[in-house]
Amino acid sequence: MSRSRPASGWADRAVFALAAALTALPCAAAEKGAAAKSGPPVVTCGSLANLRMLLRDTKGEAAAIARLFADPKADHLGCAATPRDRLGGVADHVVVGGTGYDCLTVKDSTVCRWAEPAK
């Protein structure tokens, strides 16, 4: 049984366009990943409950969180400003009350740290 090819070649062009698009995806993702690795540190906590308390107490404002972390006598709730280059992929994701949270892997560690998803 032989199959005939379309005379117009549209199918070949469609396959080529799809292959080109799929090949470009890893490159775009790598560029986005590289950009995400630089920038300000990410607020992470060892427990999701502590992250939610920190965000509630500071209203999620970066300046308020920075003031809290700068105060050595304050209870940081096991939270820290983690450099982006130390963070890996998402190990776990939950949604609580309509808000999503990611547990991110950390280099040289077997535990993940909870953070708000990147926006």
Protein backbone atom coordinates (compact mmCIF):
# COMPACT_ATOMS: atom_id res chain seq x y z
CA MET A 1 0.00 0.00 0.00
CA SER A 2 1.55 3.29 -1.03
CA ARG A 3 0.64 6.68 0.26
CA SER A 4 0.61 9.69 -1.94
CA ARG A 5 2.09 12.96 -0.76
CA PRO A 6 0.09 16.14 -1.08
CA ALA A 7 1.07 18.10 -4.13
CA SER A 8 1.09 21.40 -2.26
CA GLY A 9 3.52 20.27 0.45
CA TRP A 10 1.45 21.99 3.17
CA ALA A 11 1.76 18.97 5.43
CA ASP A 12 5.56 19.06 5.15
CA ARG A 13 5.56 22.77 5.99
CA ALA A 14 3.26 22.19 8.96
CA VAL A 15 5.50 19.41 10.33
CA PHE A 16 8.58 21.58 9.84
CA ALA A 17 6.93 24.54 11.63
CA LEU A 18 5.87 22.33 14.54
CA ALA A 19 9.36 20.81 14.84
CA ALA A 20 10.93 24.28 14.79
CA ALA A 21 8.55 25.48 17.51
CA LEU A 22 9.24 22.47 19.73
CA THR A 23 12.99 22.87 19.25
CA ALA A 24 12.79 26.53 20.29
CA LEU A 25 10.95 25.76 23.54
CA PRO A 26 13.95 24.42 25.50
CA CYS A 27 16.02 27.42 24.38
CA ALA A 28 13.37 29.88 25.53
CA ALA A 29 12.95 28.00 28.80
CA ALA A 30 16.72 28.01 29.39
CA GLU A 31 16.88 31.75 28.75
CA LYS A 32 13.98 32.33 31.13
CA GLY A 33 15.61 30.02 33.70
CA ALA A 34 18.91 31.88 33.43
CA ALA A 35 17.13 35.20 33.94
CA ALA A 36 15.27 33.76 36.93
CA LYS A 37 18.55 32.67 38.55
CA SER A 38 19.68 36.28 38.82
CA GLY A 39 17.87 38.97 40.71
CA PRO A 40 16.85 39.54 44.29
CA PRO A 41 16.79 36.68 46.79
CA VAL A 42 13.59 34.74 47.35
CA VAL A 43 11.89 34.66 50.76
CA THR A 44 11.75 30.99 51.72
CA CYS A 45 10.71 29.17 54.88
CA GLY A 46 11.18 25.66 56.17
CA SER A 47 7.44 25.27 56.70
CA LEU A 48 4.45 26.50 54.75
CA ALA A 49 2.71 27.63 57.95
CA ASN A 50 5.67 29.87 58.83
CA LEU A 51 5.76 31.35 55.33
CA ARG A 52 2.06 32.17 55.55
CA MET A 53 2.52 33.77 59.01
CA LEU A 54 5.46 35.84 57.74
CA LEU A 55 3.48 37.04 54.73
CA ARG A 56 0.46 37.81 56.90
CA ASP A 57 2.47 39.73 59.51
CA THR A 58 4.34 41.80 56.90
CA LYS A 59 1.41 42.05 54.46
CA GLY A 60 3.82 40.54 51.94
CA GLU A 61 5.68 43.86 51.60
CA ALA A 62 9.34 43.45 50.66
CA ALA A 63 10.43 46.41 52.82
CA ALA A 64 8.69 45.00 55.90
CA ILE A 65 10.24 41.58 55.33
CA ALA A 66 13.69 43.16 54.90
CA ARG A 67 13.27 45.08 58.18
CA LEU A 68 12.29 41.87 59.95
CA PHE A 69 15.28 39.96 58.57
CA ALA A 70 17.62 42.84 59.50
CA ASP A 71 16.53 42.70 63.15
CA PRO A 72 18.63 40.02 64.91
CA LYS A 73 16.18 39.89 67.83
CA ALA A 74 13.10 39.31 65.67
CA ASP A 75 11.60 35.87 65.20
CA HIS A 76 12.28 35.04 61.57
CA LEU A 77 10.10 31.94 61.82
CA GLY A 78 12.82 29.84 60.19
CA CYS A 79 12.56 31.99 57.08
CA ALA A 80 15.42 33.52 55.12
CA ALA A 81 16.26 35.41 51.97
CA THR A 82 17.60 32.60 49.79
CA PRO A 83 19.78 33.54 46.79
CA ARG A 84 18.11 32.51 43.53
CA ASP A 85 21.17 30.63 42.34
CA ARG A 86 20.79 28.24 45.30
CA LEU A 87 17.21 27.32 44.37
CA GLY A 88 16.26 24.55 42.00
CA GLY A 89 12.95 23.31 40.70
CA VAL A 90 9.58 22.86 42.33
CA ALA A 91 9.47 19.78 44.57
CA ASP A 92 5.89 20.32 45.74
CA HIS A 93 3.02 22.72 45.08
CA VAL A 94 -0.11 23.40 47.14
CA VAL A 95 -2.99 25.82 46.95
CA VAL A 96 -4.37 27.14 50.24
CA GLY A 97 -7.34 29.48 50.18
CA GLY A 98 -6.85 30.13 46.48
CA THR A 99 -3.17 31.09 46.85
CA GLY A 100 -0.47 28.84 45.44
CA TYR A 101 2.82 28.03 47.15
CA ASP A 102 5.86 26.15 45.86
CA CYS A 103 8.37 24.10 47.81
CA LEU A 104 11.64 24.70 45.97
CA THR A 105 14.62 22.39 46.03
CA VAL A 106 17.82 23.87 47.46
CA LYS A 107 21.32 23.00 46.26
CA ASP A 108 23.27 20.77 48.65
CA SER A 109 20.13 20.01 50.65
CA THR A 110 17.62 17.18 50.77
CA VAL A 111 14.76 19.39 51.97
CA CYS A 112 12.77 21.96 50.04
CA ARG A 113 11.90 25.50 51.14
CA TRP A 114 8.45 27.05 50.78
CA ALA A 115 8.02 30.22 48.74
CA GLU A 116 5.43 32.10 46.77
CA PRO A 117 5.50 31.07 43.11
CA ALA A 118 7.47 33.34 40.80
CA LYS A 119 5.26 35.86 39.09
